[in-house]
Amino acid sequence: MKNFAIVAAAAALLVAGCQSNNEASNSLNNNVSVETQQKVYRELRAAMTLAGKEALAAYPKTGMPEGGAEEFRALQDSLRDAFWVTVCDTNQVALHFGDSIWTKGVKEKWPAVVQGR
């Protein structure tokens, strides 16, 4: 009887988890138009590139013991976070939608730039 209760609880959690993912997706689509999502995605891609370039420019090239990869990654991540906040604020999109838009754009293979008409 205990095993059945555990299995039933696990199944309920699985179903609830799947529903919450669908609700999150619907929430994004209900709150942000697809055109805006694609625009934000393109700007987030540009922000990722810019964060990498600025981190490389600010990173000392020589004299770092053991390469300093952790420090570089921390700098790059902090720049990325700052740029993502700017992109979301500029487009009046809630910050928590930024990751959802990024994930959706990657999964659906949205282009980085608008194709010519």
PDB file of N, CA and C in Angstrom:
ATOM      1  N   MET A   1       0.819  -1.192   0.000  1.00  0.00           N
ATOM      2  CA  MET A   1       0.000   0.000   0.000  1.00  0.00           C
ATOM      3  C   MET A   1       0.869   1.265   0.000  1.00  0.00           C
ATOM      4  N   LYS A   2       1.964   1.212   0.780  1.00  0.00           N
ATOM      5  CA  LYS A   2       2.865   2.362   0.815  1.00  0.00           C
ATOM      6  C   LYS A   2       3.492   2.601  -0.553  1.00  0.00           C
ATOM      7  N   ASN A   3       3.882   1.510  -1.217  1.00  0.00           N
ATOM      8  CA  ASN A   3       4.506   1.644  -2.534  1.00  0.00           C
ATOM      9  C   ASN A   3       3.553   2.278  -3.532  1.00  0.00           C
ATOM     10  N   PHE A   4       2.280   1.902  -3.465  1.00  0.00           N
ATOM     11  CA  PHE A   4       1.291   2.484  -4.368  1.00  0.00           C
ATOM     12  C   PHE A   4       1.173   3.986  -4.132  1.00  0.00           C
ATOM     13  N   ALA A   5       1.176   4.401  -2.872  1.00  0.00           N
ATOM     14  CA  ALA A   5       1.070   5.823  -2.543  1.00  0.00           C
ATOM     15  C   ALA A   5       2.282   6.588  -3.073  1.00  0.00           C
ATOM     16  N   ILE A   6       3.450   5.979  -2.962  1.00  0.00           N
ATOM     17  CA  ILE A   6       4.664   6.634  -3.452  1.00  0.00           C
ATOM     18  C   ILE A   6       4.623   6.758  -4.971  1.00  0.00           C
ATOM     19  N   VAL A   7       4.208   5.688  -5.652  1.00  0.00           N
ATOM     20  CA  VAL A   7       4.118   5.715  -7.111  1.00  0.00           C
ATOM     21  C   VAL A   7       3.078   6.735  -7.561  1.00  0.00           C
ATOM     22  N   ALA A   8       1.938   6.776  -6.867  1.00  0.00           N
ATOM     23  CA  ALA A   8       0.882   7.730  -7.215  1.00  0.00           C
ATOM     24  C   ALA A   8       1.365   9.163  -7.015  1.00  0.00           C
ATOM     25  N   ALA A   9       2.093   9.410  -5.930  1.00  0.00           N
ATOM     26  CA  ALA A   9       2.613  10.755  -5.677  1.00  0.00           C
ATOM     27  C   ALA A   9       3.636  11.151  -6.741  1.00  0.00           C
ATOM     28  N   ALA A  10       4.492  10.214  -7.132  1.00  0.00           N
ATOM     29  CA  ALA A  10       5.484  10.503  -8.167  1.00  0.00           C
ATOM     30  C   ALA A  10       4.811  10.801  -9.499  1.00  0.00           C
ATOM     31  N   ALA A  11       3.774  10.040  -9.826  1.00  0.00           N
ATOM     32  CA  ALA A  11       3.040  10.278 -11.076  1.00  0.00           C
ATOM     33  C   ALA A  11       2.365  11.644 -11.050  1.00  0.00           C
ATOM     34  N   ALA A  12       1.800  12.014  -9.903  1.00  0.00           N
ATOM     35  CA  ALA A  12       1.146  13.321  -9.781  1.00  0.00           C
ATOM     36  C   ALA A  12       2.157  14.451  -9.960  1.00  0.00           C
ATOM     37  N   LEU A  13       3.347  14.284  -9.388  1.00  0.00           N
ATOM     38  CA  LEU A  13       4.391  15.302  -9.545  1.00  0.00           C
ATOM     39  C   LEU A  13       4.839  15.409 -10.995  1.00  0.00           C
ATOM     40  N   LEU A  14       4.940  14.279 -11.676  1.00  0.00           N
ATOM     41  CA  LEU A  14       5.335  14.284 -13.080  1.00  0.00           C
ATOM     42  C   LEU A  14       4.313  15.019 -13.932  1.00  0.00           C
ATOM     43  N   VAL A  15       3.042  14.730 -13.711  1.00  0.00           N
ATOM     44  CA  VAL A  15       1.975  15.398 -14.465  1.00  0.00           C
ATOM     45  C   VAL A  15       1.966  16.889 -14.149  1.00  0.00           C
ATOM     46  N   ALA A  16       2.112  17.245 -12.884  1.00  0.00           N
ATOM     47  CA  ALA A  16       2.123  18.661 -12.500  1.00  0.00           C
ATOM     48  C   ALA A  16       3.312  19.377 -13.126  1.00  0.00           C
ATOM     49  N   GLY A  17       4.462  18.714 -13.178  1.00  0.00           N
ATOM     50  CA  GLY A  17       5.642  19.315 -13.790  1.00  0.00           C
ATOM     51  C   GLY A  17       5.449  19.574 -15.266  1.00  0.00           C
ATOM     52  N   CYS A  18       4.831  18.634 -15.961  1.00  0.00           N
ATOM     53  CA  CYS A  18       4.575  18.816 -17.391  1.00  0.00           C
ATOM     54  C   CYS A  18       3.581  19.941 -17.622  1.00  0.00           C
ATOM     55  N   GLN A  19       2.578  20.037 -16.777  1.00  0.00           N
ATOM     56  CA  GLN A  19       1.597  21.107 -16.928  1.00  0.00           C
ATOM     57  C   GLN A  19       2.225  22.458 -16.656  1.00  0.00           C
ATOM     58  N   SER A  20       3.105  22.546 -15.671  1.00  0.00           N
ATOM     59  CA  SER A  20       3.710  23.843 -15.368  1.00  0.00           C
ATOM     60  C   SER A  20       4.599  24.307 -16.513  1.00  0.00           C
ATOM     61  N   ASN A  21       5.270  23.374 -17.209  1.00  0.00           N
ATOM     62  CA  ASN A  21       6.077  23.773 -18.364  1.00  0.00           C
ATOM     63  C   ASN A  21       5.194  24.329 -19.464  1.00  0.00           C
ATOM     64  N   ASN A  22       4.053  23.703 -19.700  1.00  0.00           N
ATOM     65  CA  ASN A  22       3.131  24.204 -20.713  1.00  0.00           C
ATOM     66  C   ASN A  22       2.569  25.557 -20.308  1.00  0.00           C
ATOM     67  N   GLU A  23       2.272  25.715 -19.018  1.00  0.00           N
ATOM     68  CA  GLU A  23       1.758  26.997 -18.543  1.00  0.00           C
ATOM     69  C   GLU A  23       2.802  28.089 -18.719  1.00  0.00           C
ATOM     70  N   ALA A  24       4.064  27.767 -18.449  1.00  0.00           N
ATOM     71  CA  ALA A  24       5.128  28.764 -18.620  1.00  0.00           C
ATOM     72  C   ALA A  24       5.249  29.163 -20.084  1.00  0.00           C
ATOM     73  N   SER A  25       5.164  28.181 -20.978  1.00  0.00           N
ATOM     74  CA  SER A  25       5.241  28.474 -22.406  1.00  0.00           C
ATOM     75  C   SER A  25       4.058  29.322 -22.836  1.00  0.00           C
ATOM     76  N   ASN A  26       2.865  28.957 -22.381  1.00  0.00           N
ATOM     77  CA  ASN A  26       1.676  29.735 -22.721  1.00  0.00           C
ATOM     78  C   ASN A  26       1.765  31.133 -22.135  1.00  0.00           C
ATOM     79  N   SER A  27       2.324  31.253 -20.942  1.00  0.00           N
ATOM     80  CA  SER A  27       2.472  32.561 -20.316  1.00  0.00           C
ATOM     81  C   SER A  27       3.361  33.460 -21.168  1.00  0.00           C
ATOM     82  N   LEU A  28       4.459  32.910 -21.664  1.00  0.00           N
ATOM     83  CA  LEU A  28       5.350  33.684 -22.532  1.00  0.00           C
ATOM     84  C   LEU A  28       4.610  34.119 -23.780  1.00  0.00           C
ATOM     85  N   ASN A  29       3.929  33.191 -24.438  1.00  0.00           N
ATOM     86  CA  ASN A  29       3.219  33.507 -25.675  1.00  0.00           C
ATOM     87  C   ASN A  29       2.059  34.466 -25.441  1.00  0.00           C
ATOM     88  N   ASN A  30       1.427  34.394 -24.270  1.00  0.00           N
ATOM     89  CA  ASN A  30       0.311  35.292 -23.969  1.00  0.00           C
ATOM     90  C   ASN A  30       0.777  36.698 -23.608  1.00  0.00           C
ATOM     91  N   ASN A  31       1.979  36.826 -23.086  1.00  0.00           N
ATOM     92  CA  ASN A  31       2.463  38.125 -22.622  1.00  0.00           C
ATOM     93  C   ASN A  31       3.380  38.841 -23.603  1.00  0.00           C
ATOM     94  N   VAL A  32       4.042  38.092 -24.482  1.00  0.00           N
ATOM     95  CA  VAL A  32       5.010  38.689 -25.398  1.00  0.00           C
ATOM     96  C   VAL A  32       4.720  38.169 -26.805  1.00  0.00           C
ATOM     97  N   SER A  33       4.524  39.079 -27.741  1.00  0.00           N
ATOM     98  CA  SER A  33       4.232  38.663 -29.117  1.00  0.00           C
ATOM     99  C   SER A  33       5.433  37.931 -29.713  1.00  0.00           C
ATOM    100  N   VAL A  34       5.169  37.091 -30.696  1.00  0.00           N
ATOM    101  CA  VAL A  34       6.238  36.319 -31.341  1.00  0.00           C
ATOM    102  C   VAL A  34       7.249  37.260 -31.993  1.00  0.00           C
ATOM    103  N   GLU A  35       6.773  38.341 -32.598  1.00  0.00           N
ATOM    104  CA  GLU A  35       7.688  39.298 -33.228  1.00  0.00           C
ATOM    105  C   GLU A  35       8.633  39.898 -32.192  1.00  0.00           C
ATOM    106  N   THR A  36       8.081  40.254 -31.029  1.00  0.00           N
ATOM    107  CA  THR A  36       8.912  40.817 -29.966  1.00  0.00           C
ATOM    108  C   THR A  36       9.881  39.768 -29.440  1.00  0.00           C
ATOM    109  N   GLN A  37       9.410  38.525 -29.306  1.00  0.00           N
ATOM    110  CA  GLN A  37      10.291  37.448 -28.853  1.00  0.00           C
ATOM    111  C   GLN A  37      11.474  37.292 -29.798  1.00  0.00           C
ATOM    112  N   GLN A  38      11.209  37.319 -31.098  1.00  0.00           N
ATOM    113  CA  GLN A  38      12.288  37.163 -32.069  1.00  0.00           C
ATOM    114  C   GLN A  38      13.242  38.356 -32.037  1.00  0.00           C
ATOM    115  N   LYS A  39      12.703  39.552 -31.851  1.00  0.00           N
ATOM    116  CA  LYS A  39      13.546  40.749 -31.750  1.00  0.00           C
ATOM    117  C   LYS A  39      14.440  40.654 -30.513  1.00  0.00           C
ATOM    118  N   VAL A  40      13.841  40.265 -29.377  1.00  0.00           N
ATOM    119  CA  VAL A  40      14.607  40.129 -28.142  1.00  0.00           C
ATOM    120  C   VAL A  40      15.674  39.046 -28.309  1.00  0.00           C
ATOM    121  N   TYR A  41      15.328  37.944 -28.956  1.00  0.00           N
ATOM    122  CA  TYR A  41      16.295  36.866 -29.185  1.00  0.00           C
ATOM    123  C   TYR A  41      17.501  37.376 -29.980  1.00  0.00           C
ATOM    124  N   ARG A  42      17.236  38.121 -31.047  1.00  0.00           N
ATOM    125  CA  ARG A  42      18.343  38.663 -31.850  1.00  0.00           C
ATOM    126  C   ARG A  42      19.214  39.587 -31.007  1.00  0.00           C
ATOM    127  N   GLU A  43      18.577  40.420 -30.184  1.00  0.00           N
ATOM    128  CA  GLU A  43      19.345  41.342 -29.341  1.00  0.00           C
ATOM    129  C   GLU A  43      20.117  40.588 -28.258  1.00  0.00           C
ATOM    130  N   LEU A  44      19.540  39.498 -27.739  1.00  0.00           N
ATOM    131  CA  LEU A  44      20.251  38.697 -26.743  1.00  0.00           C
ATOM    132  C   LEU A  44      21.470  38.018 -27.363  1.00  0.00           C
ATOM    133  N   ARG A  45      21.341  37.559 -28.604  1.00  0.00           N
ATOM    134  CA  ARG A  45      22.499  36.969 -29.302  1.00  0.00           C
ATOM    135  C   ARG A  45      23.593  38.014 -29.475  1.00  0.00           C
ATOM    136  N   ALA A  46      23.200  39.215 -29.864  1.00  0.00           N
ATOM    137  CA  ALA A  46      24.180  40.294 -30.018  1.00  0.00           C
ATOM    138  C   ALA A  46      24.819  40.621 -28.671  1.00  0.00           C
ATOM    139  N   ALA A  47      24.026  40.587 -27.602  1.00  0.00           N
ATOM    140  CA  ALA A  47      24.551  40.858 -26.263  1.00  0.00           C
ATOM    141  C   ALA A  47      25.561  39.795 -25.847  1.00  0.00           C
ATOM    142  N   MET A  48      25.300  38.541 -26.203  1.00  0.00           N
ATOM    143  CA  MET A  48      26.247  37.465 -25.889  1.00  0.00           C
ATOM    144  C   MET A  48      27.581  37.707 -26.601  1.00  0.00           C
ATOM    145  N   THR A  49      27.512  38.086 -27.863  1.00  0.00           N
ATOM    146  CA  THR A  49      28.723  38.361 -28.640  1.00  0.00           C
ATOM    147  C   THR A  49      29.476  39.547 -28.049  1.00  0.00           C
ATOM    148  N   LEU A  50      28.744  40.611 -27.731  1.00  0.00           N
ATOM    149  CA  LEU A  50      29.363  41.801 -27.161  1.00  0.00           C
ATOM    150  C   LEU A  50      30.005  41.498 -25.808  1.00  0.00           C
ATOM    151  N   ALA A  51      29.335  40.700 -24.988  1.00  0.00           N
ATOM    152  CA  ALA A  51      29.897  40.334 -23.682  1.00  0.00           C
ATOM    153  C   ALA A  51      31.210  39.584 -23.861  1.00  0.00           C
ATOM    154  N   GLY A  52      31.253  38.685 -24.828  1.00  0.00           N
ATOM    155  CA  GLY A  52      32.490  37.953 -25.095  1.00  0.00           C
ATOM    156  C   GLY A  52      33.608  38.867 -25.558  1.00  0.00           C
ATOM    157  N   LYS A  53      33.282  39.794 -26.468  1.00  0.00           N
ATOM    158  CA  LYS A  53      34.296  40.723 -26.983  1.00  0.00           C
ATOM    159  C   LYS A  53      34.818  41.639 -25.885  1.00  0.00           C
ATOM    160  N   GLU A  54      33.916  42.180 -25.076  1.00  0.00           N
ATOM    161  CA  GLU A  54      34.346  43.089 -24.009  1.00  0.00           C
ATOM    162  C   GLU A  54      35.141  42.353 -22.943  1.00  0.00           C
ATOM    163  N   ALA A  55      34.750  41.113 -22.648  1.00  0.00           N
ATOM    164  CA  ALA A  55      35.500  40.337 -21.663  1.00  0.00           C
ATOM    165  C   ALA A  55      36.911  40.061 -22.172  1.00  0.00           C
ATOM    166  N   LEU A  56      37.032  39.722 -23.452  1.00  0.00           N
ATOM    167  CA  LEU A  56      38.365  39.490 -24.021  1.00  0.00           C
ATOM    168  C   LEU A  56      39.204  40.760 -24.026  1.00  0.00           C
ATOM    169  N   ALA A  57      38.573  41.892 -24.338  1.00  0.00           N
ATOM    170  CA  ALA A  57      39.303  43.159 -24.371  1.00  0.00           C
ATOM    171  C   ALA A  57      39.785  43.559 -22.978  1.00  0.00           C
ATOM    172  N   ALA A  58      39.003  43.257 -21.950  1.00  0.00           N
ATOM    173  CA  ALA A  58      39.358  43.653 -20.590  1.00  0.00           C
ATOM    174  C   ALA A  58      40.268  42.638 -19.908  1.00  0.00           C
ATOM    175  N   TYR A  59      40.414  41.492 -20.513  1.00  0.00           N
ATOM    176  CA  TYR A  59      41.157  40.408 -19.890  1.00  0.00           C
ATOM    177  C   TYR A  59      42.643  40.538 -20.184  1.00  0.00           C
ATOM    178  N   PRO A  60      43.486  40.508 -19.157  1.00  0.00           N
ATOM    179  CA  PRO A  60      44.928  40.595 -19.412  1.00  0.00           C
ATOM    180  C   PRO A  60      45.408  39.362 -20.180  1.00  0.00           C
ATOM    181  N   LYS A  61      46.197  39.605 -21.194  1.00  0.00           N
ATOM    182  CA  LYS A  61      46.628  38.519 -22.070  1.00  0.00           C
ATOM    183  C   LYS A  61      47.813  37.729 -21.500  1.00  0.00           C
ATOM    184  N   THR A  62      48.653  38.390 -20.737  1.00  0.00           N
ATOM    185  CA  THR A  62      49.839  37.697 -20.244  1.00  0.00           C
ATOM    186  C   THR A  62      49.932  37.865 -18.740  1.00  0.00           C
ATOM    187  N   GLY A  63      50.707  37.000 -18.137  1.00  0.00           N
ATOM    188  CA  GLY A  63      50.989  37.122 -16.719  1.00  0.00           C
ATOM    189  C   GLY A  63      49.925  36.559 -15.800  1.00  0.00           C
ATOM    190  N   MET A  64      48.947  35.860 -16.348  1.00  0.00           N
ATOM    191  CA  MET A  64      47.915  35.277 -15.490  1.00  0.00           C
ATOM    192  C   MET A  64      48.360  33.881 -15.059  1.00  0.00           C
ATOM    193  N   PRO A  65      48.477  33.662 -13.768  1.00  0.00           N
ATOM    194  CA  PRO A  65      48.851  32.315 -13.324  1.00  0.00           C
ATOM    195  C   PRO A  65      47.721  31.337 -13.642  1.00  0.00           C
ATOM    196  N   GLU A  66      48.073  30.190 -14.174  1.00  0.00           N
ATOM    197  CA  GLU A  66      47.129  29.118 -14.509  1.00  0.00           C
ATOM    198  C   GLU A  66      46.063  29.564 -15.502  1.00  0.00           C
ATOM    199  N   GLY A  67      46.317  30.604 -16.248  1.00  0.00           N
ATOM    200  CA  GLY A  67      45.399  31.030 -17.302  1.00  0.00           C
ATOM    201  C   GLY A  67      44.266  31.920 -16.858  1.00  0.00           C
ATOM    202  N   GLY A  68      43.819  31.826 -15.618  1.00  0.00           N
ATOM    203  CA  GLY A  68      42.749  32.686 -15.117  1.00  0.00           C
ATOM    204  C   GLY A  68      41.406  32.474 -15.789  1.00  0.00           C
ATOM    205  N   ALA A  69      41.115  31.256 -16.208  1.00  0.00           N
ATOM    206  CA  ALA A  69      39.865  30.980 -16.924  1.00  0.00           C
ATOM    207  C   ALA A  69      38.636  31.259 -16.065  1.00  0.00           C
ATOM    208  N   GLU A  70      38.726  30.977 -14.777  1.00  0.00           N
ATOM    209  CA  GLU A  70      37.577  31.215 -13.896  1.00  0.00           C
ATOM    210  C   GLU A  70      37.247  32.702 -13.815  1.00  0.00           C
ATOM    211  N   GLU A  71      38.283  33.524 -13.711  1.00  0.00           N
ATOM    212  CA  GLU A  71      38.063  34.965 -13.642  1.00  0.00           C
ATOM    213  C   GLU A  71      37.476  35.488 -14.948  1.00  0.00           C
ATOM    214  N   PHE A  72      37.976  34.967 -16.070  1.00  0.00           N
ATOM    215  CA  PHE A  72      37.454  35.378 -17.368  1.00  0.00           C
ATOM    216  C   PHE A  72      35.982  35.010 -17.491  1.00  0.00           C
ATOM    217  N   ARG A  73      35.634  33.778 -17.124  1.00  0.00           N
ATOM    218  CA  ARG A  73      34.244  33.321 -17.218  1.00  0.00           C
ATOM    219  C   ARG A  73      33.342  34.158 -16.305  1.00  0.00           C
ATOM    220  N   ALA A  74      33.808  34.489 -15.108  1.00  0.00           N
ATOM    221  CA  ALA A  74      33.015  35.311 -14.191  1.00  0.00           C
ATOM    222  C   ALA A  74      32.769  36.697 -14.783  1.00  0.00           C
ATOM    223  N   LEU A  75      33.807  37.284 -15.392  1.00  0.00           N
ATOM    224  CA  LEU A  75      33.661  38.593 -16.029  1.00  0.00           C
ATOM    225  C   LEU A  75      32.679  38.512 -17.190  1.00  0.00           C
ATOM    226  N   GLN A  76      32.825  37.485 -18.020  1.00  0.00           N
ATOM    227  CA  GLN A  76      31.933  37.313 -19.167  1.00  0.00           C
ATOM    228  C   GLN A  76      30.482  37.119 -18.708  1.00  0.00           C
ATOM    229  N   ASP A  77      30.275  36.321 -17.666  1.00  0.00           N
ATOM    230  CA  ASP A  77      28.919  36.087 -17.157  1.00  0.00           C
ATOM    231  C   ASP A  77      28.304  37.354 -16.576  1.00  0.00           C
ATOM    232  N   SER A  78      29.110  38.149 -15.859  1.00  0.00           N
ATOM    233  CA  SER A  78      28.562  39.382 -15.288  1.00  0.00           C
ATOM    234  C   SER A  78      28.199  40.379 -16.387  1.00  0.00           C
ATOM    235  N   LEU A  79      29.016  40.446 -17.432  1.00  0.00           N
ATOM    236  CA  LEU A  79      28.688  41.320 -18.567  1.00  0.00           C
ATOM    237  C   LEU A  79      27.433  40.830 -19.287  1.00  0.00           C
ATOM    238  N   ARG A  80      27.330  39.521 -19.488  1.00  0.00           N
ATOM    239  CA  ARG A  80      26.146  38.953 -20.145  1.00  0.00           C
ATOM    240  C   ARG A  80      24.890  39.285 -19.345  1.00  0.00           C
ATOM    241  N   ASP A  81      24.953  39.100 -18.034  1.00  0.00           N
ATOM    242  CA  ASP A  81      23.791  39.406 -17.193  1.00  0.00           C
ATOM    243  C   ASP A  81      23.399  40.874 -17.309  1.00  0.00           C
ATOM    244  N   ALA A  82      24.388  41.759 -17.287  1.00  0.00           N
ATOM    245  CA  ALA A  82      24.102  43.194 -17.390  1.00  0.00           C
ATOM    246  C   ALA A  82      23.481  43.535 -18.743  1.00  0.00           C
ATOM    247  N   PHE A  83      24.015  42.955 -19.809  1.00  0.00           N
ATOM    248  CA  PHE A  83      23.474  43.223 -21.146  1.00  0.00           C
ATOM    249  C   PHE A  83      22.074  42.645 -21.302  1.00  0.00           C
ATOM    250  N   TRP A  84      21.824  41.472 -20.722  1.00  0.00           N
ATOM    251  CA  TRP A  84      20.488  40.865 -20.820  1.00  0.00           C
ATOM    252  C   TRP A  84      19.455  41.731 -20.104  1.00  0.00           C
ATOM    253  N   VAL A  85      19.827  42.284 -18.951  1.00  0.00           N
ATOM    254  CA  VAL A  85      18.914  43.180 -18.233  1.00  0.00           C
ATOM    255  C   VAL A  85      18.583  44.381 -19.107  1.00  0.00           C
ATOM    256  N   THR A  86      19.595  44.936 -19.756  1.00  0.00           N
ATOM    257  CA  THR A  86      19.384  46.089 -20.636  1.00  0.00           C
ATOM    258  C   THR A  86      18.464  45.739 -21.795  1.00  0.00           C
ATOM    259  N   VAL A  87      18.688  44.586 -22.433  1.00  0.00           N
ATOM    260  CA  VAL A  87      17.852  44.168 -23.567  1.00  0.00           C
ATOM    261  C   VAL A  87      16.405  43.991 -23.121  1.00  0.00           C
ATOM    262  N   CYS A  88      16.201  43.309 -22.015  1.00  0.00           N
ATOM    263  CA  CYS A  88      14.830  43.076 -21.537  1.00  0.00           C
ATOM    264  C   CYS A  88      14.156  44.387 -21.147  1.00  0.00           C
ATOM    265  N   ASP A  89      14.880  45.266 -20.464  1.00  0.00           N
ATOM    266  CA  ASP A  89      14.306  46.560 -20.081  1.00  0.00           C
ATOM    267  C   ASP A  89      13.968  47.401 -21.305  1.00  0.00           C
ATOM    268  N   THR A  90      14.856  47.434 -22.275  1.00  0.00           N
ATOM    269  CA  THR A  90      14.640  48.224 -23.484  1.00  0.00           C
ATOM    270  C   THR A  90      13.398  47.774 -24.237  1.00  0.00           C
ATOM    271  N   ASN A  91      13.164  46.464 -24.260  1.00  0.00           N
ATOM    272  CA  ASN A  91      12.023  45.909 -24.991  1.00  0.00           C
ATOM    273  C   ASN A  91      10.788  45.728 -24.115  1.00  0.00           C
ATOM    274  N   GLN A  92      10.857  46.199 -22.881  1.00  0.00           N
ATOM    275  CA  GLN A  92       9.753  46.103 -21.923  1.00  0.00           C
ATOM    276  C   GLN A  92       9.264  44.662 -21.778  1.00  0.00           C
ATOM    277  N   VAL A  93      10.232  43.761 -21.630  1.00  0.00           N
ATOM    278  CA  VAL A  93       9.961  42.344 -21.417  1.00  0.00           C
ATOM    279  C   VAL A  93      10.467  42.000 -20.021  1.00  0.00           C
ATOM    280  N   ALA A  94       9.663  41.266 -19.257  1.00  0.00           N
ATOM    281  CA  ALA A  94      10.081  40.868 -17.918  1.00  0.00           C
ATOM    282  C   ALA A  94      11.362  40.043 -18.008  1.00  0.00           C
ATOM    283  N   LEU A  95      12.266  40.283 -17.091  1.00  0.00           N
ATOM    284  CA  LEU A  95      13.577  39.639 -17.127  1.00  0.00           C
ATOM    285  C   LEU A  95      13.464  38.118 -17.105  1.00  0.00           C
ATOM    286  N   HIS A  96      12.483  37.587 -16.371  1.00  0.00           N
ATOM    287  CA  HIS A  96      12.369  36.128 -16.293  1.00  0.00           C
ATOM    288  C   HIS A  96      11.965  35.500 -17.628  1.00  0.00           C
ATOM    289  N   PHE A  97      11.485  36.310 -18.586  1.00  0.00           N
ATOM    290  CA  PHE A  97      11.178  35.782 -19.912  1.00  0.00           C
ATOM    291  C   PHE A  97      12.427  35.701 -20.795  1.00  0.00           C
ATOM    292  N   GLY A  98      13.512  36.357 -20.393  1.00  0.00           N
ATOM    293  CA  GLY A  98      14.726  36.351 -21.212  1.00  0.00           C
ATOM    294  C   GLY A  98      15.251  34.951 -21.482  1.00  0.00           C
ATOM    295  N   ASP A  99      15.368  34.127 -20.427  1.00  0.00           N
ATOM    296  CA  ASP A  99      15.846  32.756 -20.615  1.00  0.00           C
ATOM    297  C   ASP A  99      14.880  31.940 -21.450  1.00  0.00           C
ATOM    298  N   SER A 100      13.574  32.153 -21.236  1.00  0.00           N
ATOM    299  CA  SER A 100      12.571  31.410 -22.008  1.00  0.00           C
ATOM    300  C   SER A 100      12.650  31.774 -23.487  1.00  0.00           C
ATOM    301  N   ILE A 101      12.809  33.053 -23.766  1.00  0.00           N
ATOM    302  CA  ILE A 101      12.933  33.497 -25.161  1.00  0.00           C
ATOM    303  C   ILE A 101      14.207  32.929 -25.775  1.00  0.00           C
ATOM    304  N   TRP A 102      15.307  32.972 -25.025  1.00  0.00           N
ATOM    305  CA  TRP A 102      16.573  32.436 -25.525  1.00  0.00           C
ATOM    306  C   TRP A 102      16.426  30.948 -25.855  1.00  0.00           C
ATOM    307  N   THR A 103      15.859  30.180 -24.925  1.00  0.00           N
ATOM    308  CA  THR A 103      15.690  28.739 -25.128  1.00  0.00           C
ATOM    309  C   THR A 103      14.794  28.451 -26.320  1.00  0.00           C
ATOM    310  N   LYS A 104      13.690  29.180 -26.422  1.00  0.00           N
ATOM    311  CA  LYS A 104      12.762  28.986 -27.536  1.00  0.00           C
ATOM    312  C   LYS A 104      13.448  29.313 -28.867  1.00  0.00           C
ATOM    313  N   GLY A 105      14.197  30.392 -28.902  1.00  0.00           N
ATOM    314  CA  GLY A 105      14.898  30.780 -30.125  1.00  0.00           C
ATOM    315  C   GLY A 105      15.927  29.755 -30.559  1.00  0.00           C
ATOM    316  N   VAL A 106      16.649  29.195 -29.599  1.00  0.00           N
ATOM    317  CA  VAL A 106      17.651  28.176 -29.923  1.00  0.00           C
ATOM    318  C   VAL A 106      16.967  26.906 -30.422  1.00  0.00           C
ATOM    319  N   LYS A 107      15.908  26.481 -29.720  1.00  0.00           N
ATOM    320  CA  LYS A 107      15.209  25.252 -30.117  1.00  0.00           C
ATOM    321  C   LYS A 107      14.571  25.376 -31.495  1.00  0.00           C
ATOM    322  N   GLU A 108      13.994  26.539 -31.773  1.00  0.00           N
ATOM    323  CA  GLU A 108      13.313  26.742 -33.052  1.00  0.00           C
ATOM    324  C   GLU A 108      14.249  27.274 -34.137  1.00  0.00           C
ATOM    325  N   LYS A 109      15.525  27.456 -33.780  1.00  0.00           N
ATOM    326  CA  LYS A 109      16.561  27.906 -34.718  1.00  0.00           C
ATOM    327  C   LYS A 109      16.187  29.212 -35.412  1.00  0.00           C
ATOM    328  N   TRP A 110      15.802  30.195 -34.579  1.00  0.00           N
ATOM    329  CA  TRP A 110      15.506  31.515 -35.126  1.00  0.00           C
ATOM    330  C   TRP A 110      16.790  32.109 -35.679  1.00  0.00           C
ATOM    331  N   PRO A 111      16.700  32.882 -36.759  1.00  0.00           N
ATOM    332  CA  PRO A 111      17.917  33.486 -37.326  1.00  0.00           C
ATOM    333  C   PRO A 111      18.459  34.588 -36.413  1.00  0.00           C
ATOM    334  N   ALA A 112      19.768  34.773 -36.474  1.00  0.00           N
ATOM    335  CA  ALA A 112      20.412  35.813 -35.669  1.00  0.00           C
ATOM    336  C   ALA A 112      20.107  37.202 -36.212  1.00  0.00           C
ATOM    337  N   VAL A 113      19.857  37.286 -37.508  1.00  0.00           N
ATOM    338  CA  VAL A 113      19.532  38.568 -38.136  1.00  0.00           C
ATOM    339  C   VAL A 113      18.277  38.391 -38.976  1.00  0.00           C
ATOM    340  N   VAL A 114      17.597  39.492 -39.222  1.00  0.00           N
ATOM    341  CA  VAL A 114      16.398  39.454 -40.049  1.00  0.00           C
ATOM    342  C   VAL A 114      16.813  39.245 -41.497  1.00  0.00           C
ATOM    343  N   GLN A 115      16.175  38.299 -42.157  1.00  0.00           N
ATOM    344  CA  GLN A 115      16.470  38.028 -43.563  1.00  0.00           C
ATOM    345  C   GLN A 115      15.873  39.132 -44.427  1.00  0.00           C
ATOM    346  N   GLY A 116      16.568  39.518 -45.489  1.00  0.00           N
ATOM    347  CA  GLY A 116      16.078  40.547 -46.411  1.00  0.00           C
ATOM    348  C   GLY A 116      14.796  40.110 -47.096  1.00  0.00           C
ATOM    349  N   ARG A 117      13.934  41.069 -47.366  1.00  0.00           N
ATOM    350  CA  ARG A 117      12.640  40.734 -47.980  1.00  0.00           C
ATOM    351  C   ARG A 117      12.682  40.887 -49.458  1.00  0.00           C
TER     352      ARG A 117
END
